[in-house]
Amino acid sequence: MIKPDTLRIAEAHLRACDPKLARVIDRHGPCTIGGSRRDPFHVLCNSIISQQLSIKAADTIQARVAIATGAGKRFLPLHFISTEHETLRACGLSNAKAKWLRALAEAAASGTLSFPKLRKMDDEAAIAVLDALPGIGRWTAEMFLIFALDRLDVFSLGDVGLRNGLNRLHGGGLGGGAKLDDAASLALTAKWAPYRSVGSWYLWRVTESDLTPLV
């Protein structure tokens, strides 16, 4: 878990290096990222299940899968290894997602995917390992680093919410802002290091908030 003291240090750093983000911090208050320990295998399973689904649909299918596998509140590799493919499909999973969940479970059970080893890797090395798994792309890997491994310095170019928030904050303010290209987005967020995950948390708040002026 990320300690509250670390988050306060991160907020102070972000305030100092980005006055526009400082106003967002004032508006939305202390960051609460990393407030609870989340099981890494369970997080990855939910990420696969949720891909390209609404929150409501994802929650419904996750609940069905939990019942069908006997998982209860926490998915374990055995739950997918011991469950027939067609049983998973009957829960509403696509053929691909059912295969990906089993592949993930087999990798975790065999030790091919080791979460203790993953925790010791630097961000890019961990992303590369995860990105190589079926059904897990770079965006999923980056979200995993932020929310399951409590990494503090991740910004995802592939996250629509983050890009929209950054456009609104630094691309013109009210009404969405001009679209910033990859180079401009990376340059703006580079100064947030080593706390880009915390900056991302505030960008998500920008995306969720109303369209009153931020600057």
C-alpha atoms as a PDB file:
ATOM      1  CA  MET A   1       0.000   0.000   0.000  1.00  0.00           C
ATOM      2  CA  ILE A   2       1.084   3.566  -0.682  1.00  0.00           C
ATOM      3  CA  LYS A   3       1.492   5.475   2.571  1.00  0.00           C
ATOM      4  CA  PRO A   4      -0.503   8.707   3.019  1.00  0.00           C
ATOM      5  CA  ASP A   5       2.716  10.596   3.768  1.00  0.00           C
ATOM      6  CA  THR A   6       4.061   9.583   0.360  1.00  0.00           C
ATOM      7  CA  LEU A   7       0.918  10.885  -1.326  1.00  0.00           C
ATOM      8  CA  ARG A   8       1.227  14.226   0.467  1.00  0.00           C
ATOM      9  CA  ILE A   9       4.825  14.501  -0.791  1.00  0.00           C
ATOM     10  CA  ALA A  10       3.616  13.653  -4.292  1.00  0.00           C
ATOM     11  CA  GLU A  11       0.891  16.308  -4.140  1.00  0.00           C
ATOM     12  CA  ALA A  12       3.401  18.937  -3.019  1.00  0.00           C
ATOM     13  CA  HIS A  13       5.692  18.014  -5.909  1.00  0.00           C
ATOM     14  CA  LEU A  14       2.853  18.215  -8.433  1.00  0.00           C
ATOM     15  CA  ARG A  15       1.723  21.566  -7.058  1.00  0.00           C
ATOM     16  CA  ALA A  16       5.213  22.983  -7.426  1.00  0.00           C
ATOM     17  CA  CYS A  17       5.848  21.782 -10.982  1.00  0.00           C
ATOM     18  CA  ASP A  18       2.392  22.303 -12.529  1.00  0.00           C
ATOM     19  CA  PRO A  19       0.295  25.313 -11.388  1.00  0.00           C
ATOM     20  CA  LYS A  20      -2.695  24.139 -13.436  1.00  0.00           C
ATOM     21  CA  LEU A  21      -2.632  20.749 -11.764  1.00  0.00           C
ATOM     22  CA  ALA A  22      -2.294  22.523  -8.408  1.00  0.00           C
ATOM     23  CA  ARG A  23      -5.757  24.000  -8.967  1.00  0.00           C
ATOM     24  CA  VAL A  24      -7.121  20.505  -9.610  1.00  0.00           C
ATOM     25  CA  ILE A  25      -5.556  19.282  -6.371  1.00  0.00           C
ATOM     26  CA  ASP A  26      -7.200  22.177  -4.519  1.00  0.00           C
ATOM     27  CA  ARG A  27     -10.557  21.306  -6.076  1.00  0.00           C
ATOM     28  CA  HIS A  28     -10.529  17.546  -5.496  1.00  0.00           C
ATOM     29  CA  GLY A  29      -8.545  17.211  -2.292  1.00  0.00           C
ATOM     30  CA  PRO A  30      -6.084  14.516  -1.195  1.00  0.00           C
ATOM     31  CA  CYS A  31      -5.310  11.642  -3.545  1.00  0.00           C
ATOM     32  CA  THR A  32      -6.565   8.248  -2.356  1.00  0.00           C
ATOM     33  CA  ILE A  33      -4.758   5.992  -4.823  1.00  0.00           C
ATOM     34  CA  GLY A  34      -3.254   2.817  -3.375  1.00  0.00           C
ATOM     35  CA  GLY A  35      -5.501   2.823  -0.329  1.00  0.00           C
ATOM     36  CA  SER A  36      -6.051  -0.938  -0.213  1.00  0.00           C
ATOM     37  CA  ARG A  37      -4.086  -4.070  -1.040  1.00  0.00           C
ATOM     38  CA  ARG A  38      -5.494  -5.841  -4.095  1.00  0.00           C
ATOM     39  CA  ASP A  39      -4.693  -9.416  -5.100  1.00  0.00           C
ATOM     40  CA  PRO A  40      -2.716  -9.197  -8.381  1.00  0.00           C
ATOM     41  CA  PHE A  41      -4.142 -12.325 -10.017  1.00  0.00           C
ATOM     42  CA  HIS A  42      -7.695 -11.261  -9.204  1.00  0.00           C
ATOM     43  CA  VAL A  43      -7.038  -7.788 -10.627  1.00  0.00           C
ATOM     44  CA  LEU A  44      -5.747  -9.204 -13.922  1.00  0.00           C
ATOM     45  CA  CYS A  45      -8.725 -11.550 -14.227  1.00  0.00           C
ATOM     46  CA  ASN A  46     -11.156  -8.688 -13.721  1.00  0.00           C
ATOM     47  CA  SER A  47      -9.224  -6.601 -16.247  1.00  0.00           C
ATOM     48  CA  ILE A  48      -9.618  -9.289 -18.904  1.00  0.00           C
ATOM     49  CA  ILE A  49     -13.299  -9.827 -18.121  1.00  0.00           C
ATOM     50  CA  SER A  50     -14.008  -6.075 -18.232  1.00  0.00           C
ATOM     51  CA  GLN A  51     -12.366  -5.312 -21.582  1.00  0.00           C
ATOM     52  CA  GLN A  52     -14.686  -3.449 -23.988  1.00  0.00           C
ATOM     53  CA  LEU A  53     -17.651  -3.738 -21.609  1.00  0.00           C
ATOM     54  CA  SER A  54     -19.653  -1.179 -19.669  1.00  0.00           C
ATOM     55  CA  ILE A  55     -19.167  -1.201 -15.909  1.00  0.00           C
ATOM     56  CA  LYS A  56     -22.622  -2.724 -15.425  1.00  0.00           C
ATOM     57  CA  ALA A  57     -22.052  -5.508 -17.969  1.00  0.00           C
ATOM     58  CA  ALA A  58     -18.605  -6.269 -16.581  1.00  0.00           C
ATOM     59  CA  ASP A  59     -19.928  -6.496 -13.018  1.00  0.00           C
ATOM     60  CA  THR A  60     -22.691  -8.860 -14.137  1.00  0.00           C
ATOM     61  CA  ILE A  61     -20.318 -11.205 -15.962  1.00  0.00           C
ATOM     62  CA  GLN A  62     -17.744 -11.117 -13.151  1.00  0.00           C
ATOM     63  CA  ALA A  63     -20.444 -12.181 -10.726  1.00  0.00           C
ATOM     64  CA  ARG A  64     -21.504 -15.047 -13.007  1.00  0.00           C
ATOM     65  CA  VAL A  65     -17.910 -16.215 -13.421  1.00  0.00           C
ATOM     66  CA  ALA A  66     -17.336 -16.092  -9.661  1.00  0.00           C
ATOM     67  CA  ILE A  67     -20.374 -18.325  -9.102  1.00  0.00           C
ATOM     68  CA  ALA A  68     -19.542 -20.725 -11.933  1.00  0.00           C
ATOM     69  CA  THR A  69     -15.944 -21.199 -10.788  1.00  0.00           C
ATOM     70  CA  GLY A  70     -16.712 -21.237  -7.076  1.00  0.00           C
ATOM     71  CA  ALA A  71     -14.369 -18.312  -6.594  1.00  0.00           C
ATOM     72  CA  GLY A  72     -16.462 -16.241  -4.219  1.00  0.00           C
ATOM     73  CA  LYS A  73     -14.831 -12.827  -3.800  1.00  0.00           C
ATOM     74  CA  ARG A  74     -11.348 -13.733  -5.065  1.00  0.00           C
ATOM     75  CA  PHE A  75     -10.262 -15.484  -8.251  1.00  0.00           C
ATOM     76  CA  LEU A  76      -7.417 -17.990  -7.944  1.00  0.00           C
ATOM     77  CA  PRO A  77      -5.659 -19.895 -10.766  1.00  0.00           C
ATOM     78  CA  LEU A  78      -7.334 -23.172  -9.770  1.00  0.00           C
ATOM     79  CA  HIS A  79     -10.766 -21.661 -10.376  1.00  0.00           C
ATOM     80  CA  PHE A  80     -10.092 -21.307 -14.099  1.00  0.00           C
ATOM     81  CA  ILE A  81      -7.937 -24.385 -14.554  1.00  0.00           C
ATOM     82  CA  SER A  82     -10.674 -26.603 -13.113  1.00  0.00           C
ATOM     83  CA  THR A  83     -13.575 -24.957 -14.973  1.00  0.00           C
ATOM     84  CA  GLU A  84     -14.612 -26.089 -18.446  1.00  0.00           C
ATOM     85  CA  HIS A  85     -14.258 -23.652 -21.318  1.00  0.00           C
ATOM     86  CA  GLU A  86     -17.951 -23.862 -22.192  1.00  0.00           C
ATOM     87  CA  THR A  87     -18.903 -23.146 -18.587  1.00  0.00           C
ATOM     88  CA  LEU A  88     -16.979 -19.882 -18.792  1.00  0.00           C
ATOM     89  CA  ARG A  89     -18.544 -19.087 -22.161  1.00  0.00           C
ATOM     90  CA  ALA A  90     -21.989 -19.607 -20.650  1.00  0.00           C
ATOM     91  CA  CYS A  91     -21.242 -16.794 -18.185  1.00  0.00           C
ATOM     92  CA  GLY A  92     -21.123 -14.327 -21.072  1.00  0.00           C
ATOM     93  CA  LEU A  93     -17.401 -14.425 -21.772  1.00  0.00           C
ATOM     94  CA  SER A  94     -16.210 -14.356 -25.360  1.00  0.00           C
ATOM     95  CA  ASN A  95     -14.306 -17.358 -26.658  1.00  0.00           C
ATOM     96  CA  ALA A  96     -11.090 -15.319 -26.554  1.00  0.00           C
ATOM     97  CA  LYS A  97     -11.581 -14.090 -22.992  1.00  0.00           C
ATOM     98  CA  ALA A  98     -12.278 -17.615 -21.735  1.00  0.00           C
ATOM     99  CA  LYS A  99      -9.019 -18.782 -23.343  1.00  0.00           C
ATOM    100  CA  TRP A 100      -7.076 -15.824 -21.984  1.00  0.00           C
ATOM    101  CA  LEU A 101      -8.273 -16.436 -18.423  1.00  0.00           C
ATOM    102  CA  ARG A 102      -7.209 -20.065 -18.574  1.00  0.00           C
ATOM    103  CA  ALA A 103      -3.827 -19.115 -20.060  1.00  0.00           C
ATOM    104  CA  LEU A 104      -3.331 -16.553 -17.307  1.00  0.00           C
ATOM    105  CA  ALA A 105      -4.259 -19.116 -14.659  1.00  0.00           C
ATOM    106  CA  GLU A 106      -1.866 -21.695 -16.089  1.00  0.00           C
ATOM    107  CA  ALA A 107       0.965 -19.148 -16.249  1.00  0.00           C
ATOM    108  CA  ALA A 108       0.397 -18.142 -12.626  1.00  0.00           C
ATOM    109  CA  ALA A 109       0.035 -21.741 -11.418  1.00  0.00           C
ATOM    110  CA  SER A 110       3.192 -22.889 -13.188  1.00  0.00           C
ATOM    111  CA  GLY A 111       5.273 -19.950 -12.006  1.00  0.00           C
ATOM    112  CA  THR A 112       5.808 -18.677 -15.542  1.00  0.00           C
ATOM    113  CA  LEU A 113       4.095 -15.556 -14.255  1.00  0.00           C
ATOM    114  CA  SER A 114       5.486 -14.794 -10.803  1.00  0.00           C
ATOM    115  CA  PHE A 115       3.928 -11.864  -8.992  1.00  0.00           C
ATOM    116  CA  PRO A 116       6.751 -11.648  -6.401  1.00  0.00           C
ATOM    117  CA  LYS A 117       9.260 -11.384  -9.268  1.00  0.00           C
ATOM    118  CA  LEU A 118       7.033  -8.876 -11.038  1.00  0.00           C
ATOM    119  CA  ARG A 119       7.046  -6.646  -7.946  1.00  0.00           C
ATOM    120  CA  LYS A 120      10.854  -6.514  -8.058  1.00  0.00           C
ATOM    121  CA  MET A 121      11.029  -5.449 -11.717  1.00  0.00           C
ATOM    122  CA  ASP A 122      11.194  -1.868 -12.893  1.00  0.00           C
ATOM    123  CA  ASP A 123       8.079  -0.490 -14.573  1.00  0.00           C
ATOM    124  CA  GLU A 124       9.032  -1.158 -18.208  1.00  0.00           C
ATOM    125  CA  ALA A 125      10.265  -4.682 -17.485  1.00  0.00           C
ATOM    126  CA  ALA A 126       7.046  -5.521 -15.645  1.00  0.00           C
ATOM    127  CA  ILE A 127       4.951  -4.060 -18.478  1.00  0.00           C
ATOM    128  CA  ALA A 128       6.867  -6.162 -21.015  1.00  0.00           C
ATOM    129  CA  VAL A 129       6.181  -9.368 -19.065  1.00  0.00           C
ATOM    130  CA  LEU A 130       2.481  -8.594 -18.757  1.00  0.00           C
ATOM    131  CA  ASP A 131       2.121  -7.390 -22.348  1.00  0.00           C
ATOM    132  CA  ALA A 132       3.425 -10.772 -23.552  1.00  0.00           C
ATOM    133  CA  LEU A 133       0.487 -12.588 -21.925  1.00  0.00           C
ATOM    134  CA  PRO A 134      -2.567 -13.381 -24.094  1.00  0.00           C
ATOM    135  CA  GLY A 135      -5.280 -10.757 -23.704  1.00  0.00           C
ATOM    136  CA  ILE A 136      -3.164  -8.273 -21.758  1.00  0.00           C
ATOM    137  CA  GLY A 137      -1.931  -5.253 -23.679  1.00  0.00           C
ATOM    138  CA  ARG A 138       0.131  -2.291 -22.583  1.00  0.00           C
ATOM    139  CA  TRP A 139      -2.835  -0.306 -21.217  1.00  0.00           C
ATOM    140  CA  THR A 140      -3.970  -3.214 -19.032  1.00  0.00           C
ATOM    141  CA  ALA A 141      -0.399  -3.685 -17.840  1.00  0.00           C
ATOM    142  CA  GLU A 142      -0.075   0.008 -16.971  1.00  0.00           C
ATOM    143  CA  MET A 143      -3.353   0.005 -15.021  1.00  0.00           C
ATOM    144  CA  PHE A 144      -2.143  -3.117 -13.212  1.00  0.00           C
ATOM    145  CA  LEU A 145       1.069  -1.375 -12.186  1.00  0.00           C
ATOM    146  CA  ILE A 146      -0.870   1.569 -10.767  1.00  0.00           C
ATOM    147  CA  PHE A 147      -3.681  -0.254  -9.004  1.00  0.00           C
ATOM    148  CA  ALA A 148      -2.191  -3.637  -8.068  1.00  0.00           C
ATOM    149  CA  LEU A 149       1.525  -2.958  -7.684  1.00  0.00           C
ATOM    150  CA  ASP A 150       1.173   0.593  -6.303  1.00  0.00           C
ATOM    151  CA  ARG A 151       3.671   2.044  -8.758  1.00  0.00           C
ATOM    152  CA  LEU A 152       3.839   5.812  -8.369  1.00  0.00           C
ATOM    153  CA  ASP A 153       5.297   6.907 -11.708  1.00  0.00           C
ATOM    154  CA  VAL A 154       3.056   5.583 -14.495  1.00  0.00           C
ATOM    155  CA  PHE A 155       1.264   7.631 -17.147  1.00  0.00           C
ATOM    156  CA  SER A 156      -0.657   5.746 -19.844  1.00  0.00           C
ATOM    157  CA  LEU A 157      -0.787   7.327 -23.294  1.00  0.00           C
ATOM    158  CA  GLY A 158      -3.392   4.741 -24.229  1.00  0.00           C
ATOM    159  CA  ASP A 159      -5.922   5.782 -21.582  1.00  0.00           C
ATOM    160  CA  VAL A 160      -8.681   7.890 -23.126  1.00  0.00           C
ATOM    161  CA  GLY A 161      -9.681   9.411 -19.795  1.00  0.00           C
ATOM    162  CA  LEU A 162      -6.149  10.562 -19.060  1.00  0.00           C
ATOM    163  CA  ARG A 163      -5.705  12.053 -22.511  1.00  0.00           C
ATOM    164  CA  ASN A 164      -9.033  13.872 -22.270  1.00  0.00           C
ATOM    165  CA  GLY A 165      -8.150  15.207 -18.830  1.00  0.00           C
ATOM    166  CA  LEU A 166      -4.741  16.394 -20.013  1.00  0.00           C
ATOM    167  CA  ASN A 167      -6.263  18.021 -23.100  1.00  0.00           C
ATOM    168  CA  ARG A 168      -8.736  19.875 -20.949  1.00  0.00           C
ATOM    169  CA  LEU A 169      -6.128  20.947 -18.430  1.00  0.00           C
ATOM    170  CA  HIS A 170      -3.351  21.980 -20.804  1.00  0.00           C
ATOM    171  CA  GLY A 171      -4.971  22.151 -24.218  1.00  0.00           C
ATOM    172  CA  GLY A 172      -7.322  25.070 -23.753  1.00  0.00           C
ATOM    173  CA  GLY A 173      -9.440  24.449 -20.642  1.00  0.00           C
ATOM    174  CA  LEU A 174     -13.229  24.738 -20.973  1.00  0.00           C
ATOM    175  CA  GLY A 175     -15.024  22.481 -23.423  1.00  0.00           C
ATOM    176  CA  GLY A 176     -12.452  19.734 -23.790  1.00  0.00           C
ATOM    177  CA  GLY A 177      -9.311  21.566 -24.888  1.00  0.00           C
ATOM    178  CA  ALA A 178      -7.226  21.080 -27.989  1.00  0.00           C
ATOM    179  CA  LYS A 179      -5.978  17.555 -28.600  1.00  0.00           C
ATOM    180  CA  LEU A 180      -2.356  17.194 -27.560  1.00  0.00           C
ATOM    181  CA  ASP A 181      -0.209  14.756 -29.511  1.00  0.00           C
ATOM    182  CA  ASP A 182       1.846  12.009 -27.869  1.00  0.00           C
ATOM    183  CA  ALA A 183       5.033  14.060 -27.720  1.00  0.00           C
ATOM    184  CA  ALA A 184       3.310  17.039 -26.098  1.00  0.00           C
ATOM    185  CA  SER A 185       1.470  14.791 -23.628  1.00  0.00           C
ATOM    186  CA  LEU A 186       4.688  13.041 -22.595  1.00  0.00           C
ATOM    187  CA  ALA A 187       6.521  16.354 -22.267  1.00  0.00           C
ATOM    188  CA  LEU A 188       3.818  17.820 -20.016  1.00  0.00           C
ATOM    189  CA  THR A 189       3.666  14.787 -17.745  1.00  0.00           C
ATOM    190  CA  ALA A 190       7.431  14.208 -17.640  1.00  0.00           C
ATOM    191  CA  LYS A 191       7.810  17.001 -15.103  1.00  0.00           C
ATOM    192  CA  TRP A 192       5.403  15.153 -12.781  1.00  0.00           C
ATOM    193  CA  ALA A 193       7.963  12.356 -12.322  1.00  0.00           C
ATOM    194  CA  PRO A 194       8.427  10.454 -10.073  1.00  0.00           C
ATOM    195  CA  TYR A 195       4.708  10.795  -9.253  1.00  0.00           C
ATOM    196  CA  ARG A 196       2.953  10.471 -12.601  1.00  0.00           C
ATOM    197  CA  SER A 197       0.481   7.908 -11.211  1.00  0.00           C
ATOM    198  CA  VAL A 198      -0.725  10.492  -8.698  1.00  0.00           C
ATOM    199  CA  GLY A 199      -0.961  13.091 -11.457  1.00  0.00           C
ATOM    200  CA  SER A 200      -2.981  10.553 -13.443  1.00  0.00           C
ATOM    201  CA  TRP A 201      -5.377  10.112 -10.529  1.00  0.00           C
ATOM    202  CA  TYR A 202      -6.096  13.841 -10.656  1.00  0.00           C
ATOM    203  CA  LEU A 203      -6.528  13.786 -14.442  1.00  0.00           C
ATOM    204  CA  TRP A 204      -9.223  11.143 -14.021  1.00  0.00           C
ATOM    205  CA  ARG A 205     -10.955  13.499 -11.581  1.00  0.00           C
ATOM    206  CA  VAL A 206     -10.769  16.233 -14.238  1.00  0.00           C
ATOM    207  CA  THR A 207     -12.394  13.932 -16.778  1.00  0.00           C
ATOM    208  CA  GLU A 208     -15.176  13.006 -14.351  1.00  0.00           C
ATOM    209  CA  SER A 209     -15.896  16.578 -13.225  1.00  0.00           C
ATOM    210  CA  ASP A 210     -18.194  19.154 -14.803  1.00  0.00           C
ATOM    211  CA  LEU A 211     -17.051  21.642 -17.420  1.00  0.00           C
ATOM    212  CA  THR A 212     -16.545  24.651 -15.172  1.00  0.00           C
ATOM    213  CA  PRO A 213     -13.257  26.407 -15.929  1.00  0.00           C
ATOM    214  CA  LEU A 214     -10.136  24.960 -14.315  1.00  0.00           C
ATOM    215  CA  VAL A 215      -7.776  27.827 -15.067  1.00  0.00           C
END
